N, C-alpha and C. Protein backbone atom coordinates (compact mmCIF):
# COMPACT_ATOMS: atom_id res chain seq x y z
N UNK A 1 -21.98 5.77 50.36
CA UNK A 1 -21.51 4.72 51.24
C UNK A 1 -21.56 3.39 50.51
N UNK A 2 -20.54 2.55 50.71
CA UNK A 2 -20.48 1.24 50.08
C UNK A 2 -20.93 0.21 51.10
N UNK A 3 -21.87 -0.63 50.75
CA UNK A 3 -22.39 -1.61 51.69
C UNK A 3 -22.23 -3.02 51.17
N UNK A 4 -21.88 -3.95 52.06
CA UNK A 4 -22.01 -5.37 51.80
C UNK A 4 -22.68 -5.95 53.02
N UNK A 5 -23.38 -7.07 52.88
CA UNK A 5 -24.08 -7.63 54.04
C UNK A 5 -23.96 -9.14 54.02
N UNK A 6 -23.96 -9.76 55.18
CA UNK A 6 -23.94 -11.21 55.30
C UNK A 6 -24.73 -11.60 56.53
N UNK A 7 -25.59 -12.62 56.40
CA UNK A 7 -26.37 -13.07 57.55
C UNK A 7 -25.59 -14.13 58.30
N UNK A 8 -25.72 -14.19 59.64
CA UNK A 8 -25.01 -15.16 60.45
C UNK A 8 -25.73 -15.34 61.77
N UNK A 9 -25.13 -16.07 62.70
CA UNK A 9 -25.69 -16.25 64.03
C UNK A 9 -25.05 -15.27 64.99
N UNK A 10 -25.87 -14.64 65.82
CA UNK A 10 -25.42 -13.78 66.90
C UNK A 10 -26.61 -13.07 67.49
N UNK A 11 -26.45 -12.43 68.66
CA UNK A 11 -27.63 -11.88 69.31
C UNK A 11 -27.89 -10.44 68.97
N UNK A 12 -29.09 -10.02 69.30
CA UNK A 12 -29.38 -8.60 69.24
C UNK A 12 -28.46 -7.92 70.21
N UNK A 13 -27.86 -6.79 69.82
CA UNK A 13 -26.89 -6.12 70.69
C UNK A 13 -27.51 -5.64 71.98
N UNK A 14 -27.06 -6.15 73.11
CA UNK A 14 -27.61 -5.71 74.38
C UNK A 14 -27.18 -4.31 74.75
N UNK A 15 -26.06 -3.85 74.14
CA UNK A 15 -25.56 -2.51 74.46
C UNK A 15 -25.50 -1.69 73.18
N UNK A 16 -26.64 -1.53 72.55
CA UNK A 16 -26.70 -0.80 71.28
C UNK A 16 -26.07 0.57 71.43
N UNK A 17 -25.27 0.94 70.43
CA UNK A 17 -24.60 2.24 70.46
C UNK A 17 -23.22 2.17 71.08
N UNK A 18 -22.92 1.10 71.82
CA UNK A 18 -21.60 0.97 72.42
C UNK A 18 -20.68 0.22 71.46
N UNK A 19 -19.40 0.24 71.75
CA UNK A 19 -18.44 -0.47 70.91
C UNK A 19 -18.11 -1.80 71.58
N UNK A 20 -18.64 -2.92 71.05
CA UNK A 20 -18.41 -4.22 71.69
C UNK A 20 -16.93 -4.58 71.63
N UNK A 21 -16.30 -4.72 72.80
CA UNK A 21 -14.85 -4.88 72.87
C UNK A 21 -14.30 -6.08 72.14
N UNK A 22 -14.79 -7.29 72.44
CA UNK A 22 -14.21 -8.50 71.83
C UNK A 22 -14.48 -8.55 70.33
N UNK A 23 -15.67 -8.12 69.93
CA UNK A 23 -15.99 -8.10 68.50
C UNK A 23 -15.11 -7.08 67.78
N UNK A 24 -14.90 -5.93 68.42
CA UNK A 24 -14.06 -4.89 67.82
C UNK A 24 -12.62 -5.38 67.65
N UNK A 25 -12.10 -6.11 68.64
CA UNK A 25 -10.74 -6.64 68.53
C UNK A 25 -10.64 -7.61 67.36
N UNK A 26 -11.62 -8.50 67.26
CA UNK A 26 -11.63 -9.48 66.17
C UNK A 26 -11.77 -8.78 64.83
N UNK A 27 -12.70 -7.82 64.74
CA UNK A 27 -12.92 -7.11 63.48
C UNK A 27 -11.70 -6.27 63.09
N UNK A 28 -11.02 -5.71 64.08
CA UNK A 28 -9.84 -4.90 63.79
C UNK A 28 -8.72 -5.71 63.15
N UNK A 29 -8.49 -6.90 63.68
CA UNK A 29 -7.46 -7.78 63.13
C UNK A 29 -7.82 -8.21 61.71
N UNK A 30 -9.08 -8.60 61.50
CA UNK A 30 -9.51 -9.06 60.19
C UNK A 30 -9.55 -7.92 59.18
N UNK A 31 -9.85 -6.71 59.64
CA UNK A 31 -9.85 -5.56 58.74
C UNK A 31 -8.45 -5.31 58.19
N UNK A 32 -7.46 -5.41 59.06
CA UNK A 32 -6.07 -5.25 58.62
C UNK A 32 -5.71 -6.31 57.58
N UNK A 33 -6.12 -7.55 57.84
CA UNK A 33 -5.85 -8.64 56.89
C UNK A 33 -6.54 -8.39 55.54
N UNK A 34 -7.71 -7.73 55.60
CA UNK A 34 -8.48 -7.49 54.37
C UNK A 34 -8.01 -6.25 53.63
N UNK A 35 -7.07 -5.49 54.22
CA UNK A 35 -6.53 -4.31 53.55
C UNK A 35 -7.27 -3.03 53.86
N UNK A 36 -7.92 -2.97 55.04
CA UNK A 36 -8.61 -1.74 55.44
C UNK A 36 -8.40 -1.51 56.94
N UNK A 37 -9.05 -0.50 57.49
CA UNK A 37 -8.87 -0.13 58.89
C UNK A 37 -10.24 -0.08 59.56
N UNK A 38 -10.37 -0.70 60.71
CA UNK A 38 -11.64 -0.66 61.44
C UNK A 38 -11.92 0.76 61.91
N UNK A 39 -13.15 1.24 61.64
CA UNK A 39 -13.55 2.58 62.09
C UNK A 39 -14.47 2.51 63.31
N UNK A 40 -15.44 1.61 63.27
CA UNK A 40 -16.36 1.50 64.41
C UNK A 40 -17.15 0.20 64.33
N UNK A 41 -17.65 -0.23 65.49
CA UNK A 41 -18.54 -1.38 65.59
C UNK A 41 -19.69 -0.97 66.49
N UNK A 42 -20.92 -1.19 66.05
CA UNK A 42 -22.08 -0.81 66.86
C UNK A 42 -23.28 -1.67 66.49
N UNK A 43 -24.18 -1.83 67.44
CA UNK A 43 -25.43 -2.53 67.19
C UNK A 43 -26.48 -1.53 66.74
N UNK A 44 -27.27 -1.92 65.72
CA UNK A 44 -28.44 -1.17 65.29
C UNK A 44 -29.60 -2.14 65.21
N UNK A 45 -30.33 -2.25 66.33
CA UNK A 45 -31.35 -3.28 66.42
C UNK A 45 -30.71 -4.65 66.39
N UNK A 46 -31.14 -5.49 65.44
CA UNK A 46 -30.58 -6.83 65.30
C UNK A 46 -29.43 -6.87 64.30
N UNK A 47 -28.97 -5.71 63.86
CA UNK A 47 -27.88 -5.63 62.89
C UNK A 47 -26.59 -5.20 63.57
N UNK A 48 -25.54 -5.98 63.35
CA UNK A 48 -24.21 -5.61 63.82
C UNK A 48 -23.54 -4.83 62.70
N UNK A 49 -23.33 -3.54 62.91
CA UNK A 49 -22.77 -2.66 61.89
C UNK A 49 -21.27 -2.50 62.12
N UNK A 50 -20.49 -2.87 61.13
CA UNK A 50 -19.04 -2.75 61.19
C UNK A 50 -18.61 -1.77 60.10
N UNK A 51 -17.97 -0.68 60.51
CA UNK A 51 -17.52 0.34 59.57
C UNK A 51 -16.00 0.25 59.41
N UNK A 52 -15.55 0.30 58.17
CA UNK A 52 -14.11 0.22 57.89
C UNK A 52 -13.75 1.27 56.85
N UNK A 53 -12.57 1.86 57.01
CA UNK A 53 -12.07 2.86 56.07
C UNK A 53 -10.80 2.35 55.41
N UNK A 54 -10.31 3.11 54.43
CA UNK A 54 -9.07 2.72 53.77
C UNK A 54 -7.86 3.07 54.63
N UNK A 55 -6.73 2.49 54.30
CA UNK A 55 -5.50 2.78 55.05
C UNK A 55 -5.03 4.20 54.72
N UNK A 56 -4.46 4.87 55.74
CA UNK A 56 -3.94 6.21 55.54
C UNK A 56 -5.00 7.24 55.22
N UNK A 57 -6.26 6.96 55.61
CA UNK A 57 -7.33 7.92 55.35
C UNK A 57 -7.91 7.85 53.96
N UNK A 58 -7.41 6.92 53.13
CA UNK A 58 -7.94 6.78 51.77
C UNK A 58 -9.32 6.12 51.81
N UNK A 59 -10.03 6.22 50.69
CA UNK A 59 -11.32 5.55 50.59
C UNK A 59 -11.08 4.04 50.50
N UNK A 60 -12.08 3.28 50.93
CA UNK A 60 -11.96 1.83 50.93
C UNK A 60 -12.73 1.27 49.74
N UNK A 61 -12.20 0.24 49.11
CA UNK A 61 -12.88 -0.30 47.94
C UNK A 61 -13.81 -1.45 48.33
N UNK A 62 -14.75 -1.75 47.45
CA UNK A 62 -15.78 -2.74 47.74
C UNK A 62 -15.19 -4.13 47.92
N UNK A 63 -14.08 -4.43 47.25
CA UNK A 63 -13.46 -5.75 47.39
C UNK A 63 -12.94 -5.97 48.81
N UNK A 64 -12.32 -4.93 49.38
CA UNK A 64 -11.82 -5.04 50.75
C UNK A 64 -12.97 -5.23 51.73
N UNK A 65 -14.08 -4.51 51.52
CA UNK A 65 -15.24 -4.67 52.39
C UNK A 65 -15.85 -6.06 52.26
N UNK A 66 -15.88 -6.57 51.06
CA UNK A 66 -16.41 -7.92 50.84
C UNK A 66 -15.55 -8.97 51.53
N UNK A 67 -14.22 -8.82 51.45
CA UNK A 67 -13.32 -9.76 52.13
C UNK A 67 -13.53 -9.70 53.64
N UNK A 68 -13.64 -8.48 54.18
CA UNK A 68 -13.84 -8.33 55.61
C UNK A 68 -15.18 -8.94 56.03
N UNK A 69 -16.22 -8.73 55.25
CA UNK A 69 -17.53 -9.27 55.58
C UNK A 69 -17.51 -10.80 55.65
N UNK A 70 -16.88 -11.44 54.66
CA UNK A 70 -16.81 -12.90 54.65
C UNK A 70 -15.98 -13.43 55.81
N UNK A 71 -14.80 -12.83 56.02
CA UNK A 71 -13.92 -13.30 57.08
C UNK A 71 -14.55 -13.11 58.46
N UNK A 72 -15.19 -11.96 58.68
CA UNK A 72 -15.76 -11.68 59.99
C UNK A 72 -16.98 -12.54 60.26
N UNK A 73 -17.80 -12.78 59.26
CA UNK A 73 -18.97 -13.65 59.43
C UNK A 73 -18.53 -15.04 59.88
N UNK A 74 -17.51 -15.58 59.21
CA UNK A 74 -17.01 -16.91 59.58
C UNK A 74 -16.38 -16.91 60.97
N UNK A 75 -15.58 -15.88 61.26
CA UNK A 75 -14.89 -15.81 62.55
C UNK A 75 -15.86 -15.67 63.71
N UNK A 76 -16.92 -14.91 63.54
CA UNK A 76 -17.91 -14.74 64.61
C UNK A 76 -18.63 -16.05 64.90
N UNK A 77 -18.94 -16.80 63.86
CA UNK A 77 -19.58 -18.10 64.05
C UNK A 77 -18.65 -19.07 64.78
N UNK A 78 -17.38 -19.08 64.36
CA UNK A 78 -16.43 -20.01 64.97
C UNK A 78 -16.15 -19.63 66.42
N UNK A 79 -16.07 -18.33 66.73
CA UNK A 79 -15.78 -17.90 68.09
C UNK A 79 -17.00 -18.02 69.00
N UNK A 80 -18.19 -18.12 68.41
CA UNK A 80 -19.44 -18.28 69.16
C UNK A 80 -19.57 -17.19 70.23
N UNK A 81 -19.27 -15.94 69.83
CA UNK A 81 -19.33 -14.83 70.78
C UNK A 81 -20.76 -14.48 71.18
N UNK A 82 -21.67 -14.72 70.26
CA UNK A 82 -23.07 -14.35 70.49
C UNK A 82 -23.98 -15.49 70.02
N UNK A 83 -25.18 -15.53 70.54
CA UNK A 83 -25.93 -16.77 70.47
C UNK A 83 -27.16 -16.78 69.57
N UNK A 84 -27.83 -15.68 69.38
CA UNK A 84 -29.03 -15.69 68.55
C UNK A 84 -28.74 -15.13 67.17
N UNK A 85 -29.74 -15.14 66.32
CA UNK A 85 -29.53 -14.74 64.93
C UNK A 85 -29.37 -13.23 64.80
N UNK A 86 -28.52 -12.82 63.86
CA UNK A 86 -28.32 -11.40 63.59
C UNK A 86 -27.93 -11.20 62.14
N UNK A 87 -27.87 -9.96 61.71
CA UNK A 87 -27.40 -9.60 60.38
C UNK A 87 -26.12 -8.80 60.52
N UNK A 88 -25.11 -9.18 59.78
CA UNK A 88 -23.84 -8.46 59.77
C UNK A 88 -23.81 -7.52 58.58
N UNK A 89 -23.58 -6.26 58.83
CA UNK A 89 -23.46 -5.25 57.77
C UNK A 89 -22.08 -4.62 57.85
N UNK A 90 -21.33 -4.71 56.77
CA UNK A 90 -19.99 -4.12 56.69
C UNK A 90 -20.02 -3.01 55.65
N UNK A 91 -19.62 -1.81 56.03
CA UNK A 91 -19.69 -0.68 55.12
C UNK A 91 -18.60 0.33 55.43
N UNK A 92 -18.48 1.34 54.58
CA UNK A 92 -17.58 2.46 54.84
C UNK A 92 -18.30 3.49 55.69
N UNK A 93 -17.58 4.37 56.38
CA UNK A 93 -18.24 5.39 57.20
C UNK A 93 -19.01 6.42 56.38
N UNK A 94 -18.70 6.55 55.10
CA UNK A 94 -19.39 7.52 54.25
C UNK A 94 -18.69 8.87 54.22
N UNK A 95 -19.19 9.76 53.37
CA UNK A 95 -18.58 11.08 53.23
C UNK A 95 -18.76 11.92 54.49
N UNK A 96 -19.90 11.77 55.15
CA UNK A 96 -20.14 12.45 56.41
C UNK A 96 -20.13 11.40 57.52
N UNK A 97 -18.98 11.29 58.19
CA UNK A 97 -18.76 10.23 59.17
C UNK A 97 -19.32 10.61 60.53
N UNK A 98 -19.94 9.65 61.20
CA UNK A 98 -20.30 9.85 62.59
C UNK A 98 -19.03 9.86 63.43
N UNK A 99 -18.98 10.78 64.39
CA UNK A 99 -17.84 10.88 65.31
C UNK A 99 -18.33 10.43 66.68
N UNK A 100 -17.83 9.27 67.13
CA UNK A 100 -18.33 8.66 68.36
C UNK A 100 -17.24 8.58 69.42
N UNK A 101 -16.06 8.11 69.02
CA UNK A 101 -14.97 7.86 69.94
C UNK A 101 -13.90 8.96 69.83
N UNK A 102 -13.09 9.15 70.88
CA UNK A 102 -12.05 10.19 70.83
C UNK A 102 -11.16 10.08 69.60
N UNK A 103 -10.83 8.85 69.19
CA UNK A 103 -9.96 8.70 68.03
C UNK A 103 -10.63 9.18 66.75
N UNK A 104 -11.95 9.16 66.70
CA UNK A 104 -12.65 9.69 65.53
C UNK A 104 -12.42 11.20 65.41
N UNK A 105 -12.53 11.90 66.54
CA UNK A 105 -12.30 13.35 66.53
C UNK A 105 -10.84 13.66 66.21
N UNK A 106 -9.91 12.87 66.77
CA UNK A 106 -8.49 13.08 66.49
C UNK A 106 -8.19 12.86 65.01
N UNK A 107 -8.94 11.96 64.38
CA UNK A 107 -8.75 11.70 62.96
C UNK A 107 -9.42 12.71 62.05
N UNK A 108 -10.16 13.65 62.64
CA UNK A 108 -10.87 14.66 61.86
C UNK A 108 -10.23 16.04 61.98
N UNK A 109 -8.94 16.10 62.40
CA UNK A 109 -8.26 17.40 62.53
C UNK A 109 -8.28 18.15 61.20
N UNK A 110 -8.67 19.43 61.26
CA UNK A 110 -8.71 20.25 60.06
C UNK A 110 -10.00 20.12 59.27
N UNK A 111 -10.89 19.23 59.68
CA UNK A 111 -12.15 19.04 58.97
C UNK A 111 -13.27 19.83 59.62
N UNK A 112 -14.30 20.12 58.83
CA UNK A 112 -15.50 20.76 59.35
C UNK A 112 -16.39 19.69 60.00
N UNK A 113 -16.95 20.04 61.14
CA UNK A 113 -17.82 19.11 61.85
C UNK A 113 -19.08 19.82 62.32
N UNK A 114 -20.11 19.03 62.60
CA UNK A 114 -21.33 19.52 63.21
C UNK A 114 -21.50 18.76 64.52
N UNK A 115 -21.58 19.48 65.63
CA UNK A 115 -21.68 18.87 66.96
C UNK A 115 -22.96 19.36 67.62
N UNK A 116 -23.70 18.43 68.21
CA UNK A 116 -24.88 18.78 69.01
C UNK A 116 -24.61 18.34 70.45
N UNK A 117 -24.89 19.21 71.39
CA UNK A 117 -24.63 18.90 72.79
C UNK A 117 -25.93 18.66 73.55
N UNK A 118 -25.78 17.99 74.70
CA UNK A 118 -26.91 17.77 75.60
C UNK A 118 -27.09 19.00 76.49
N UNK A 119 -28.32 19.34 76.86
CA UNK A 119 -28.51 20.45 77.80
C UNK A 119 -28.01 20.06 79.19
N UNK A 120 -27.38 20.98 79.88
CA UNK A 120 -26.85 20.76 81.22
C UNK A 120 -26.64 22.10 81.88
N UNK A 121 -25.38 22.38 82.24
CA UNK A 121 -25.08 23.71 82.77
C UNK A 121 -25.32 24.77 81.70
N UNK A 122 -25.13 24.39 80.44
CA UNK A 122 -25.44 25.28 79.31
C UNK A 122 -26.60 24.67 78.54
N UNK A 123 -27.35 25.50 77.80
CA UNK A 123 -28.44 24.96 77.00
C UNK A 123 -27.91 24.09 75.86
N UNK A 124 -28.80 23.30 75.27
CA UNK A 124 -28.42 22.49 74.12
C UNK A 124 -27.85 23.39 73.03
N UNK A 125 -26.71 22.97 72.43
CA UNK A 125 -26.06 23.79 71.41
C UNK A 125 -25.82 23.01 70.13
N UNK A 126 -25.79 23.73 69.03
CA UNK A 126 -25.37 23.19 67.74
C UNK A 126 -24.14 23.98 67.33
N UNK A 127 -23.03 23.27 67.15
CA UNK A 127 -21.74 23.90 66.86
C UNK A 127 -21.24 23.42 65.51
N UNK A 128 -20.94 24.35 64.63
CA UNK A 128 -20.38 24.03 63.31
C UNK A 128 -19.02 24.70 63.21
N UNK A 129 -17.98 23.93 62.89
CA UNK A 129 -16.65 24.54 62.79
C UNK A 129 -15.57 23.53 62.49
N UNK A 130 -14.33 24.00 62.57
CA UNK A 130 -13.15 23.19 62.23
C UNK A 130 -12.56 22.57 63.50
N UNK A 131 -12.20 21.29 63.41
CA UNK A 131 -11.56 20.61 64.54
C UNK A 131 -10.09 21.05 64.62
N UNK A 132 -9.71 21.61 65.78
CA UNK A 132 -8.34 22.06 65.98
C UNK A 132 -7.52 21.05 66.77
N UNK A 133 -8.15 20.36 67.72
CA UNK A 133 -7.43 19.40 68.56
C UNK A 133 -8.44 18.48 69.23
N UNK A 134 -7.96 17.33 69.69
CA UNK A 134 -8.80 16.38 70.41
C UNK A 134 -7.92 15.52 71.30
N UNK A 135 -8.43 15.22 72.51
CA UNK A 135 -7.74 14.30 73.40
C UNK A 135 -8.78 13.39 74.03
N UNK A 136 -8.43 12.71 75.11
CA UNK A 136 -9.36 11.76 75.71
C UNK A 136 -10.52 12.44 76.43
N UNK A 137 -10.44 13.76 76.62
CA UNK A 137 -11.47 14.47 77.38
C UNK A 137 -12.47 15.23 76.52
N UNK A 138 -12.00 15.74 75.39
CA UNK A 138 -12.89 16.54 74.57
C UNK A 138 -12.25 17.00 73.27
N UNK A 139 -12.96 17.85 72.56
CA UNK A 139 -12.51 18.32 71.25
C UNK A 139 -12.50 19.84 71.26
N UNK A 140 -11.49 20.42 70.61
CA UNK A 140 -11.41 21.88 70.46
C UNK A 140 -11.78 22.24 69.03
N UNK A 141 -12.73 23.15 68.91
CA UNK A 141 -13.27 23.53 67.60
C UNK A 141 -13.13 25.03 67.40
N UNK A 142 -12.78 25.46 66.17
CA UNK A 142 -12.88 26.87 65.81
C UNK A 142 -14.26 27.04 65.16
N UNK A 143 -15.23 27.57 65.89
CA UNK A 143 -16.60 27.57 65.39
C UNK A 143 -16.88 28.64 64.34
N UNK A 144 -17.60 28.25 63.31
CA UNK A 144 -18.16 29.21 62.37
C UNK A 144 -19.57 29.61 62.80
N UNK A 145 -20.20 28.71 63.55
CA UNK A 145 -21.58 28.96 63.98
C UNK A 145 -21.82 28.25 65.31
N UNK A 146 -22.38 28.96 66.27
CA UNK A 146 -22.79 28.37 67.54
C UNK A 146 -24.20 28.85 67.83
N UNK A 147 -25.13 27.92 67.93
CA UNK A 147 -26.50 28.30 68.22
C UNK A 147 -27.04 27.41 69.32
N UNK A 148 -28.06 27.88 70.00
CA UNK A 148 -28.65 27.10 71.09
C UNK A 148 -30.15 27.18 70.99
N UNK A 149 -30.82 26.44 71.88
CA UNK A 149 -32.27 26.41 71.87
C UNK A 149 -32.90 27.66 72.44
N UNK A 150 -32.09 28.55 73.02
CA UNK A 150 -32.64 29.76 73.61
C UNK A 150 -32.36 30.95 72.71
N UNK A 151 -33.40 31.70 72.42
CA UNK A 151 -33.27 32.85 71.52
C UNK A 151 -32.23 33.84 72.05
N UNK A 152 -31.37 34.29 71.15
CA UNK A 152 -30.38 35.29 71.53
C UNK A 152 -29.18 34.74 72.26
N UNK A 153 -29.12 33.42 72.45
CA UNK A 153 -28.00 32.82 73.16
C UNK A 153 -27.11 32.11 72.16
N UNK A 154 -25.89 32.58 71.99
CA UNK A 154 -24.96 31.95 71.06
C UNK A 154 -24.18 30.82 71.65
N UNK A 155 -24.52 30.38 72.88
CA UNK A 155 -23.86 29.24 73.47
C UNK A 155 -22.58 29.59 74.19
N UNK A 156 -22.29 30.88 74.39
CA UNK A 156 -21.14 31.26 75.19
C UNK A 156 -19.85 31.33 74.42
N UNK A 157 -19.89 31.41 73.09
CA UNK A 157 -18.66 31.51 72.31
C UNK A 157 -18.91 32.37 71.09
N UNK A 158 -17.90 33.11 70.70
CA UNK A 158 -17.97 33.90 69.49
C UNK A 158 -17.45 33.06 68.32
N UNK A 159 -18.01 33.29 67.14
CA UNK A 159 -17.53 32.59 65.96
C UNK A 159 -16.05 32.87 65.76
N UNK A 160 -15.25 31.84 65.54
CA UNK A 160 -13.81 31.97 65.33
C UNK A 160 -13.00 31.83 66.59
N UNK A 161 -13.59 31.98 67.76
CA UNK A 161 -12.89 31.83 69.03
C UNK A 161 -12.84 30.34 69.40
N UNK A 162 -11.65 29.75 69.62
CA UNK A 162 -11.57 28.32 69.93
C UNK A 162 -12.49 27.93 71.07
N UNK A 163 -13.19 26.83 70.89
CA UNK A 163 -14.18 26.37 71.86
C UNK A 163 -13.88 24.93 72.22
N UNK A 164 -13.74 24.64 73.51
CA UNK A 164 -13.50 23.27 73.97
C UNK A 164 -14.84 22.65 74.35
N UNK A 165 -15.15 21.50 73.75
CA UNK A 165 -16.40 20.79 74.02
C UNK A 165 -16.06 19.45 74.66
N UNK A 166 -16.39 19.24 75.94
CA UNK A 166 -16.14 17.94 76.57
C UNK A 166 -16.97 16.84 75.92
N UNK A 167 -16.39 15.66 75.80
CA UNK A 167 -17.14 14.55 75.21
C UNK A 167 -18.39 14.23 76.01
N UNK A 168 -18.36 14.48 77.31
CA UNK A 168 -19.50 14.18 78.17
C UNK A 168 -20.73 15.02 77.81
N UNK A 169 -20.52 16.15 77.09
CA UNK A 169 -21.63 17.02 76.71
C UNK A 169 -22.16 16.74 75.31
N UNK A 170 -21.45 15.92 74.54
CA UNK A 170 -21.81 15.71 73.13
C UNK A 170 -22.86 14.61 73.01
N UNK A 171 -23.96 14.93 72.35
CA UNK A 171 -24.99 13.93 72.09
C UNK A 171 -24.79 13.26 70.74
N UNK A 172 -24.35 14.03 69.74
CA UNK A 172 -24.02 13.46 68.44
C UNK A 172 -23.10 14.41 67.70
N UNK A 173 -22.30 13.83 66.79
CA UNK A 173 -21.37 14.64 66.01
C UNK A 173 -21.07 13.92 64.70
N UNK A 174 -20.74 14.70 63.69
CA UNK A 174 -20.38 14.13 62.39
C UNK A 174 -19.51 15.12 61.64
N UNK A 175 -18.78 14.61 60.66
CA UNK A 175 -18.06 15.50 59.76
C UNK A 175 -19.06 16.12 58.79
N UNK A 176 -18.71 17.28 58.25
CA UNK A 176 -19.60 17.99 57.33
C UNK A 176 -18.93 18.08 55.97
N UNK A 177 -19.47 17.39 54.99
CA UNK A 177 -18.91 17.42 53.63
C UNK A 177 -19.49 18.60 52.87
N UNK A 178 -18.62 19.31 52.15
CA UNK A 178 -19.05 20.46 51.36
C UNK A 178 -19.58 19.95 50.02
N UNK A 179 -20.89 19.93 49.90
CA UNK A 179 -21.51 19.41 48.68
C UNK A 179 -21.54 20.44 47.56
N UNK A 180 -21.13 21.70 47.85
CA UNK A 180 -21.15 22.74 46.84
C UNK A 180 -22.55 23.28 46.63
N UNK A 181 -22.69 24.28 45.76
CA UNK A 181 -24.01 24.88 45.52
C UNK A 181 -24.95 23.90 44.84
N UNK A 182 -26.22 24.05 45.12
CA UNK A 182 -27.22 23.18 44.48
C UNK A 182 -27.23 23.45 42.98
N UNK A 183 -27.36 22.39 42.16
CA UNK A 183 -27.37 22.60 40.70
C UNK A 183 -28.57 23.44 40.27
N UNK A 184 -28.35 24.28 39.28
CA UNK A 184 -29.43 25.11 38.75
C UNK A 184 -30.01 24.42 37.53
N UNK A 185 -31.33 24.32 37.49
CA UNK A 185 -32.01 23.67 36.37
C UNK A 185 -32.50 24.73 35.39
N UNK A 186 -32.01 24.64 34.16
CA UNK A 186 -32.43 25.59 33.14
C UNK A 186 -33.69 25.09 32.45
N UNK A 187 -34.64 25.98 32.28
CA UNK A 187 -35.86 25.62 31.57
C UNK A 187 -35.86 26.26 30.20
N UNK A 188 -36.19 25.51 29.18
CA UNK A 188 -36.28 26.09 27.84
C UNK A 188 -37.54 26.95 27.73
N UNK A 189 -37.50 27.91 26.82
CA UNK A 189 -38.64 28.81 26.66
C UNK A 189 -39.87 28.02 26.27
N UNK A 190 -40.99 28.33 26.92
CA UNK A 190 -42.25 27.69 26.59
C UNK A 190 -42.43 26.34 27.22
N UNK A 191 -41.42 25.87 28.03
CA UNK A 191 -41.55 24.55 28.67
C UNK A 191 -42.59 24.64 29.77
N UNK A 192 -43.30 23.54 30.04
CA UNK A 192 -44.28 23.54 31.12
C UNK A 192 -43.62 23.87 32.44
N UNK A 193 -44.36 24.45 33.36
CA UNK A 193 -43.79 24.89 34.63
C UNK A 193 -43.49 23.77 35.59
N UNK A 194 -43.93 22.53 35.35
CA UNK A 194 -43.76 21.48 36.33
C UNK A 194 -43.33 20.16 35.75
N UNK A 195 -42.27 19.58 36.25
CA UNK A 195 -41.94 18.18 36.10
C UNK A 195 -41.67 17.63 34.73
N UNK A 196 -41.59 18.44 33.65
CA UNK A 196 -41.39 17.88 32.32
C UNK A 196 -39.99 18.13 31.78
N UNK A 197 -39.14 18.83 32.54
CA UNK A 197 -37.80 19.14 32.05
C UNK A 197 -37.02 17.86 31.85
N UNK A 198 -36.45 17.68 30.65
CA UNK A 198 -35.61 16.53 30.38
C UNK A 198 -36.37 15.22 30.19
N UNK A 199 -37.71 15.28 30.13
CA UNK A 199 -38.48 14.04 29.99
C UNK A 199 -38.91 13.88 28.56
N UNK A 200 -38.54 12.76 27.94
CA UNK A 200 -38.89 12.52 26.55
C UNK A 200 -40.35 12.12 26.46
N UNK A 201 -41.07 12.54 25.38
CA UNK A 201 -42.47 12.14 25.23
C UNK A 201 -42.58 10.65 24.97
N UNK A 202 -43.63 10.03 25.52
CA UNK A 202 -43.83 8.60 25.32
C UNK A 202 -44.43 8.37 23.94
N UNK A 203 -43.99 7.30 23.28
CA UNK A 203 -44.56 6.94 21.98
C UNK A 203 -45.74 6.01 22.19
N UNK A 204 -46.78 6.23 21.42
CA UNK A 204 -47.95 5.36 21.52
C UNK A 204 -47.69 4.09 20.76
N UNK A 205 -47.92 2.96 21.39
CA UNK A 205 -47.68 1.67 20.77
C UNK A 205 -48.80 1.35 19.80
N UNK A 206 -48.45 0.82 18.64
CA UNK A 206 -49.47 0.38 17.69
C UNK A 206 -50.14 -0.90 18.16
N UNK A 207 -51.38 -1.09 17.69
CA UNK A 207 -52.13 -2.28 18.10
C UNK A 207 -52.03 -3.36 17.04
């Protein structure tokens, strides 16, 4: 994830986790001017987190994020939208993006996601699979894995069978990046069993 930060005046977010409407509108316009696309706006304690991605789904470069950070910091001060001190953080969503709003799920068509649901009529579930469709009500996933907090309960769906998950049931969701297999570390014959692989011996300094 690429991060830039700027301190400014504004309050601690009273609705942490929500998307502040007026700030999002302002940030969206400035993001376009800076050559990127607004992804999300949310409060994290006293930090206003603004996420932006590249146009057309491309990655965003640090220069665009820096321009957006400067422009938004100035614009928020001039608009006087919020009153106490805060920290503005502008960054990219990262390789594994949080999925919060319906448009996030719609933008993840064909991608692997991990979804956790709240317990209700069904037990809490963890769903891993491919996003097939999304609308204002929920997301349709082709699951590779469905598990729940109850032993022997697969959450009411077979792997591969399309599963509709209402947004009202989702507690958190993110895209799942394929990091590939973990690297294998080769040890030379006779090397110590712990912590010395690739470490050069220290030279003793003369007095």
